[in-house]
N, C-alpha and C. Protein backbone atom coordinates (compact mmCIF):
# COMPACT_ATOMS: atom_id res chain seq x y z
N MET A 1 0.83 -1.19 0.00
CA MET A 1 0.00 0.00 0.00
C MET A 1 0.87 1.25 0.00
N GLN A 2 2.08 1.12 0.55
CA GLN A 2 2.96 2.27 0.57
C GLN A 2 3.35 2.69 -0.85
N ALA A 3 3.51 1.73 -1.75
CA ALA A 3 3.83 2.07 -3.14
C ALA A 3 2.71 2.89 -3.76
N ALA A 4 1.46 2.58 -3.43
CA ALA A 4 0.32 3.36 -3.94
C ALA A 4 0.30 4.75 -3.33
N ILE A 5 0.62 4.84 -2.05
CA ILE A 5 0.67 6.14 -1.38
C ILE A 5 1.79 6.99 -1.98
N ASP A 6 2.91 6.35 -2.32
CA ASP A 6 4.03 7.08 -2.93
C ASP A 6 3.64 7.76 -4.23
N LYS A 7 2.65 7.21 -4.93
CA LYS A 7 2.17 7.80 -6.18
C LYS A 7 0.92 8.64 -5.95
N HIS A 8 0.73 9.08 -4.71
CA HIS A 8 -0.36 9.98 -4.32
C HIS A 8 -1.74 9.35 -4.47
N GLY A 9 -1.82 8.04 -4.20
CA GLY A 9 -3.11 7.36 -4.21
C GLY A 9 -4.02 7.91 -3.12
N LEU A 10 -5.32 7.88 -3.38
CA LEU A 10 -6.32 8.40 -2.44
C LEU A 10 -6.96 7.28 -1.63
N GLU A 11 -7.26 7.59 -0.40
CA GLU A 11 -8.04 6.71 0.48
C GLU A 11 -7.55 5.27 0.46
N PRO A 12 -6.27 5.02 0.71
CA PRO A 12 -5.79 3.64 0.73
C PRO A 12 -6.43 2.87 1.89
N LEU A 13 -6.77 1.63 1.61
CA LEU A 13 -7.43 0.79 2.61
C LEU A 13 -6.92 -0.63 2.42
N LEU A 14 -6.58 -1.28 3.52
CA LEU A 14 -6.13 -2.67 3.50
C LEU A 14 -7.06 -3.47 4.40
N ILE A 15 -7.68 -4.49 3.82
CA ILE A 15 -8.68 -5.30 4.52
C ILE A 15 -8.13 -6.70 4.72
N ASP A 16 -8.20 -7.20 5.94
CA ASP A 16 -7.76 -8.55 6.27
C ASP A 16 -8.93 -9.51 6.08
N VAL A 17 -8.89 -10.28 5.01
CA VAL A 17 -9.97 -11.23 4.71
C VAL A 17 -9.53 -12.67 4.95
N SER A 18 -8.43 -12.85 5.66
CA SER A 18 -7.85 -14.19 5.85
C SER A 18 -8.81 -15.16 6.54
N GLU A 19 -9.67 -14.66 7.38
CA GLU A 19 -10.62 -15.53 8.09
C GLU A 19 -11.94 -15.66 7.34
N LEU A 20 -12.13 -14.89 6.28
CA LEU A 20 -13.42 -14.87 5.59
C LEU A 20 -13.39 -15.41 4.16
N GLY A 21 -12.23 -15.48 3.56
CA GLY A 21 -12.13 -15.92 2.18
C GLY A 21 -11.00 -16.90 2.00
N SER A 22 -11.02 -17.61 0.90
CA SER A 22 -9.97 -18.61 0.66
C SER A 22 -9.03 -18.23 -0.47
N TYR A 23 -9.36 -17.20 -1.24
CA TYR A 23 -8.53 -16.90 -2.41
C TYR A 23 -7.40 -15.91 -2.13
N THR A 24 -7.48 -15.19 -1.01
CA THR A 24 -6.41 -14.26 -0.65
C THR A 24 -6.52 -13.95 0.84
N ASP A 25 -5.48 -13.35 1.38
CA ASP A 25 -5.49 -12.96 2.80
C ASP A 25 -5.81 -11.49 2.99
N PHE A 26 -5.40 -10.67 2.04
CA PHE A 26 -5.60 -9.23 2.17
C PHE A 26 -6.09 -8.65 0.84
N ILE A 27 -6.96 -7.66 0.96
CA ILE A 27 -7.44 -6.92 -0.20
C ILE A 27 -7.08 -5.46 0.03
N GLY A 28 -6.36 -4.89 -0.91
CA GLY A 28 -6.01 -3.48 -0.85
C GLY A 28 -6.85 -2.70 -1.84
N LEU A 29 -7.29 -1.53 -1.42
CA LEU A 29 -8.06 -0.63 -2.28
C LEU A 29 -7.40 0.74 -2.23
N VAL A 30 -7.30 1.36 -3.38
CA VAL A 30 -6.75 2.71 -3.46
C VAL A 30 -7.35 3.38 -4.69
N SER A 31 -7.46 4.69 -4.64
CA SER A 31 -8.06 5.44 -5.74
C SER A 31 -7.05 6.38 -6.37
N GLY A 32 -7.32 6.70 -7.63
CA GLY A 32 -6.59 7.72 -8.34
C GLY A 32 -7.52 8.86 -8.69
N ARG A 33 -6.94 10.04 -8.90
CA ARG A 33 -7.72 11.24 -9.22
C ARG A 33 -8.05 11.34 -10.70
N SER A 34 -7.38 10.53 -11.54
CA SER A 34 -7.59 10.58 -12.98
C SER A 34 -7.28 9.21 -13.57
N ASP A 35 -7.66 9.03 -14.83
CA ASP A 35 -7.35 7.78 -15.52
C ASP A 35 -5.85 7.52 -15.56
N ARG A 36 -5.10 8.55 -15.86
CA ARG A 36 -3.64 8.40 -15.95
C ARG A 36 -3.03 8.06 -14.60
N GLN A 37 -3.56 8.65 -13.54
CA GLN A 37 -3.01 8.35 -12.22
C GLN A 37 -3.32 6.91 -11.81
N VAL A 38 -4.49 6.41 -12.16
CA VAL A 38 -4.82 5.01 -11.87
C VAL A 38 -3.78 4.09 -12.50
N ASP A 39 -3.49 4.31 -13.77
CA ASP A 39 -2.49 3.49 -14.46
C ASP A 39 -1.10 3.65 -13.84
N ALA A 40 -0.74 4.87 -13.46
CA ALA A 40 0.57 5.12 -12.86
C ALA A 40 0.69 4.43 -11.50
N ILE A 41 -0.35 4.48 -10.70
CA ILE A 41 -0.34 3.82 -9.39
C ILE A 41 -0.19 2.31 -9.58
N ALA A 42 -1.00 1.74 -10.46
CA ALA A 42 -0.94 0.29 -10.69
C ALA A 42 0.44 -0.14 -11.19
N ASP A 43 1.01 0.62 -12.12
CA ASP A 43 2.34 0.29 -12.63
C ASP A 43 3.39 0.36 -11.53
N HIS A 44 3.32 1.40 -10.70
CA HIS A 44 4.30 1.56 -9.63
C HIS A 44 4.17 0.45 -8.58
N VAL A 45 2.95 0.10 -8.21
CA VAL A 45 2.74 -0.99 -7.25
C VAL A 45 3.31 -2.29 -7.81
N CYS A 46 3.01 -2.56 -9.06
CA CYS A 46 3.47 -3.78 -9.71
C CYS A 46 5.01 -3.83 -9.75
N GLN A 47 5.64 -2.75 -10.19
CA GLN A 47 7.10 -2.70 -10.27
C GLN A 47 7.75 -2.83 -8.90
N THR A 48 7.17 -2.14 -7.90
CA THR A 48 7.72 -2.18 -6.54
C THR A 48 7.67 -3.59 -5.97
N LEU A 49 6.54 -4.25 -6.12
CA LEU A 49 6.41 -5.59 -5.56
C LEU A 49 7.23 -6.62 -6.33
N LYS A 50 7.34 -6.47 -7.62
CA LYS A 50 8.21 -7.36 -8.40
C LYS A 50 9.66 -7.21 -7.94
N ALA A 51 10.08 -5.97 -7.69
CA ALA A 51 11.45 -5.71 -7.22
C ALA A 51 11.69 -6.33 -5.85
N ARG A 52 10.64 -6.53 -5.09
CA ARG A 52 10.76 -7.15 -3.76
C ARG A 52 10.55 -8.66 -3.81
N GLY A 53 10.48 -9.20 -5.02
CA GLY A 53 10.40 -10.65 -5.18
C GLY A 53 9.01 -11.24 -5.22
N HIS A 54 7.99 -10.41 -5.30
CA HIS A 54 6.62 -10.91 -5.38
C HIS A 54 6.24 -11.13 -6.84
N ARG A 55 5.54 -12.20 -7.08
CA ARG A 55 5.11 -12.55 -8.44
C ARG A 55 3.67 -12.10 -8.66
N VAL A 56 3.40 -11.52 -9.81
CA VAL A 56 2.04 -11.14 -10.17
C VAL A 56 1.39 -12.36 -10.83
N TYR A 57 0.34 -12.88 -10.19
CA TYR A 57 -0.35 -14.05 -10.73
C TYR A 57 -1.41 -13.66 -11.76
N GLY A 58 -1.91 -12.46 -11.65
CA GLY A 58 -2.91 -12.00 -12.59
C GLY A 58 -3.05 -10.50 -12.55
N GLN A 59 -3.44 -9.94 -13.68
CA GLN A 59 -3.65 -8.50 -13.77
C GLN A 59 -4.82 -8.28 -14.72
N GLU A 60 -5.81 -7.53 -14.26
CA GLU A 60 -7.01 -7.27 -15.05
C GLU A 60 -7.26 -5.77 -15.14
N GLY A 61 -7.88 -5.35 -16.22
CA GLY A 61 -8.33 -3.97 -16.37
C GLY A 61 -7.26 -2.95 -16.66
N SER A 62 -6.03 -3.37 -16.84
CA SER A 62 -4.93 -2.43 -17.05
C SER A 62 -5.11 -1.63 -18.33
N GLY A 63 -4.71 -0.36 -18.25
CA GLY A 63 -4.68 0.48 -19.43
C GLY A 63 -5.97 1.23 -19.71
N ASN A 64 -7.04 0.93 -18.98
CA ASN A 64 -8.28 1.66 -19.24
C ASN A 64 -8.44 2.85 -18.32
N GLY A 65 -7.64 2.93 -17.25
CA GLY A 65 -7.65 4.07 -16.38
C GLY A 65 -8.81 4.13 -15.40
N ARG A 66 -9.70 3.15 -15.42
CA ARG A 66 -10.84 3.16 -14.51
C ARG A 66 -10.65 2.20 -13.34
N TRP A 67 -9.98 1.07 -13.60
CA TRP A 67 -9.80 0.06 -12.57
C TRP A 67 -8.72 -0.92 -13.01
N THR A 68 -7.87 -1.29 -12.09
CA THR A 68 -6.88 -2.34 -12.33
C THR A 68 -6.83 -3.23 -11.10
N LEU A 69 -6.83 -4.52 -11.34
CA LEU A 69 -6.68 -5.51 -10.27
C LEU A 69 -5.32 -6.15 -10.42
N LEU A 70 -4.58 -6.20 -9.32
CA LEU A 70 -3.27 -6.86 -9.29
C LEU A 70 -3.36 -8.00 -8.28
N ASP A 71 -3.15 -9.22 -8.73
CA ASP A 71 -3.25 -10.40 -7.87
C ASP A 71 -1.85 -10.92 -7.57
N PHE A 72 -1.46 -10.82 -6.31
CA PHE A 72 -0.16 -11.30 -5.87
C PHE A 72 -0.30 -12.55 -5.00
N GLY A 73 -1.43 -13.22 -5.08
CA GLY A 73 -1.65 -14.44 -4.31
C GLY A 73 -2.17 -14.13 -2.92
N ALA A 74 -1.27 -13.88 -2.00
CA ALA A 74 -1.67 -13.61 -0.61
C ALA A 74 -2.36 -12.26 -0.45
N PHE A 75 -2.22 -11.41 -1.45
CA PHE A 75 -2.92 -10.13 -1.42
C PHE A 75 -3.31 -9.70 -2.83
N VAL A 76 -4.45 -9.03 -2.90
CA VAL A 76 -5.00 -8.52 -4.15
C VAL A 76 -5.18 -7.02 -3.98
N ILE A 77 -4.77 -6.27 -4.97
CA ILE A 77 -4.87 -4.82 -4.89
C ILE A 77 -5.76 -4.31 -6.03
N HIS A 78 -6.76 -3.52 -5.67
CA HIS A 78 -7.63 -2.86 -6.63
C HIS A 78 -7.25 -1.38 -6.68
N VAL A 79 -6.97 -0.88 -7.87
CA VAL A 79 -6.70 0.54 -8.06
C VAL A 79 -7.84 1.08 -8.92
N PHE A 80 -8.59 2.02 -8.37
CA PHE A 80 -9.78 2.56 -9.02
C PHE A 80 -9.64 4.04 -9.31
N TYR A 81 -10.29 4.48 -10.37
CA TYR A 81 -10.60 5.90 -10.51
C TYR A 81 -11.64 6.15 -9.42
N HIS A 82 -11.45 7.17 -8.60
CA HIS A 82 -12.23 7.29 -7.37
C HIS A 82 -13.75 7.21 -7.55
N PRO A 83 -14.36 7.90 -8.51
CA PRO A 83 -15.82 7.77 -8.65
C PRO A 83 -16.26 6.34 -8.98
N VAL A 84 -15.42 5.60 -9.69
CA VAL A 84 -15.74 4.21 -10.00
C VAL A 84 -15.66 3.37 -8.73
N ARG A 85 -14.67 3.64 -7.91
CA ARG A 85 -14.55 2.93 -6.62
C ARG A 85 -15.78 3.15 -5.76
N GLU A 86 -16.24 4.40 -5.69
CA GLU A 86 -17.43 4.68 -4.89
C GLU A 86 -18.66 3.99 -5.46
N PHE A 87 -18.75 3.88 -6.77
CA PHE A 87 -19.89 3.22 -7.39
C PHE A 87 -19.93 1.73 -7.04
N TYR A 88 -18.79 1.05 -7.15
CA TYR A 88 -18.76 -0.39 -6.87
C TYR A 88 -18.70 -0.71 -5.38
N ASP A 89 -18.17 0.19 -4.58
CA ASP A 89 -18.19 0.08 -3.12
C ASP A 89 -17.77 -1.29 -2.60
N LEU A 90 -16.58 -1.75 -3.00
CA LEU A 90 -16.09 -3.05 -2.54
C LEU A 90 -15.89 -3.09 -1.03
N GLU A 91 -15.64 -1.94 -0.43
CA GLU A 91 -15.46 -1.91 1.02
C GLU A 91 -16.66 -2.51 1.75
N SER A 92 -17.85 -2.25 1.24
CA SER A 92 -19.04 -2.75 1.94
C SER A 92 -19.22 -4.25 1.78
N LEU A 93 -18.61 -4.85 0.75
CA LEU A 93 -18.68 -6.30 0.60
C LEU A 93 -17.93 -7.01 1.72
N TRP A 94 -16.93 -6.34 2.26
CA TRP A 94 -16.10 -6.90 3.31
C TRP A 94 -16.26 -6.10 4.61
N ILE A 95 -17.46 -5.65 4.88
CA ILE A 95 -17.71 -4.78 6.03
C ILE A 95 -17.34 -5.44 7.36
N GLU A 96 -17.45 -6.76 7.42
CA GLU A 96 -17.16 -7.47 8.68
C GLU A 96 -15.68 -7.79 8.84
N ALA A 97 -14.90 -7.59 7.80
CA ALA A 97 -13.47 -7.90 7.86
C ALA A 97 -12.71 -6.77 8.54
N PRO A 98 -11.73 -7.12 9.35
CA PRO A 98 -10.94 -6.08 10.01
C PRO A 98 -10.10 -5.27 9.02
N ARG A 99 -9.95 -4.00 9.32
CA ARG A 99 -9.10 -3.10 8.53
C ARG A 99 -7.72 -3.06 9.17
N VAL A 100 -6.70 -3.07 8.33
CA VAL A 100 -5.33 -2.97 8.80
C VAL A 100 -4.98 -1.50 8.89
N LYS A 101 -4.47 -1.08 10.02
CA LYS A 101 -4.13 0.33 10.21
C LYS A 101 -2.96 0.70 9.31
N LEU A 102 -3.15 1.77 8.55
CA LEU A 102 -2.12 2.30 7.66
C LEU A 102 -1.77 3.72 8.09
N ASP A 103 -0.54 4.09 7.84
CA ASP A 103 -0.11 5.46 8.09
C ASP A 103 -0.42 6.25 6.81
N VAL A 104 -1.57 6.91 6.80
CA VAL A 104 -2.04 7.61 5.62
C VAL A 104 -1.80 9.11 5.78
N PRO A 105 -1.03 9.70 4.87
CA PRO A 105 -0.80 11.14 4.96
C PRO A 105 -2.07 11.93 4.69
N PRO A 106 -2.18 13.14 5.22
CA PRO A 106 -3.40 13.94 5.04
C PRO A 106 -3.77 14.19 3.58
N ASP A 107 -2.78 14.31 2.70
CA ASP A 107 -3.10 14.58 1.29
C ASP A 107 -3.63 13.34 0.56
N ALA A 108 -3.68 12.19 1.24
CA ALA A 108 -4.22 10.96 0.63
C ALA A 108 -5.67 10.71 1.05
N THR A 109 -6.26 11.69 1.71
CA THR A 109 -7.66 11.55 2.11
C THR A 109 -8.48 12.65 1.46
N LEU A 110 -9.73 12.33 1.21
CA LEU A 110 -10.64 13.31 0.62
C LEU A 110 -11.34 14.08 1.73
N PRO A 111 -11.48 15.38 1.58
CA PRO A 111 -12.11 16.18 2.63
C PRO A 111 -13.60 15.92 2.77
N GLN A 112 -14.24 15.50 1.70
CA GLN A 112 -15.69 15.26 1.76
C GLN A 112 -16.03 14.07 0.88
N PRO A 113 -17.05 13.31 1.23
CA PRO A 113 -17.46 12.19 0.39
C PRO A 113 -17.91 12.68 -0.99
N ASP A 114 -17.72 11.86 -1.97
CA ASP A 114 -18.15 12.12 -3.34
C ASP A 114 -17.49 13.36 -3.94
N ALA A 115 -16.34 13.75 -3.46
CA ALA A 115 -15.70 14.98 -3.91
C ALA A 115 -15.29 14.94 -5.38
N LEU A 116 -15.15 13.76 -5.94
CA LEU A 116 -14.68 13.67 -7.31
C LEU A 116 -15.76 13.23 -8.29
N TYR A 117 -17.01 13.14 -7.86
CA TYR A 117 -18.04 12.66 -8.77
C TYR A 117 -18.25 13.56 -9.97
N GLY A 118 -17.97 14.83 -9.87
CA GLY A 118 -18.14 15.71 -10.99
C GLY A 118 -17.20 15.39 -12.15
N ALA A 119 -16.17 14.57 -11.87
CA ALA A 119 -15.17 14.25 -12.89
C ALA A 119 -15.54 13.04 -13.73
N LEU A 120 -16.68 12.41 -13.49
CA LEU A 120 -17.05 11.22 -14.26
C LEU A 120 -17.27 11.52 -15.67
């Protein structure tokens, strides 16, 4: 998640689903402010984790700037254009799963809900 924060990702969230699902242990969610930023965040996360020895088992949605899924086995990361993330609301699918505390800088949070919907 730090790699996403390094690229100025918005509202990073890490969910521990290890007790609730069998396909992964953690789900990461992060948003971008634009199509280009979504792609840049996904590319940086992928490169950073590959450099640390993690293998990408699957990648979906790349290059469209709206959503990218990166599957690293024990963790899956979704990078969304923020209005698309709010529309699909994956956080609510895992509402009972514990959230992992992250050190999120103030510029990675939105001051008000739906602040980017005008950009759709």
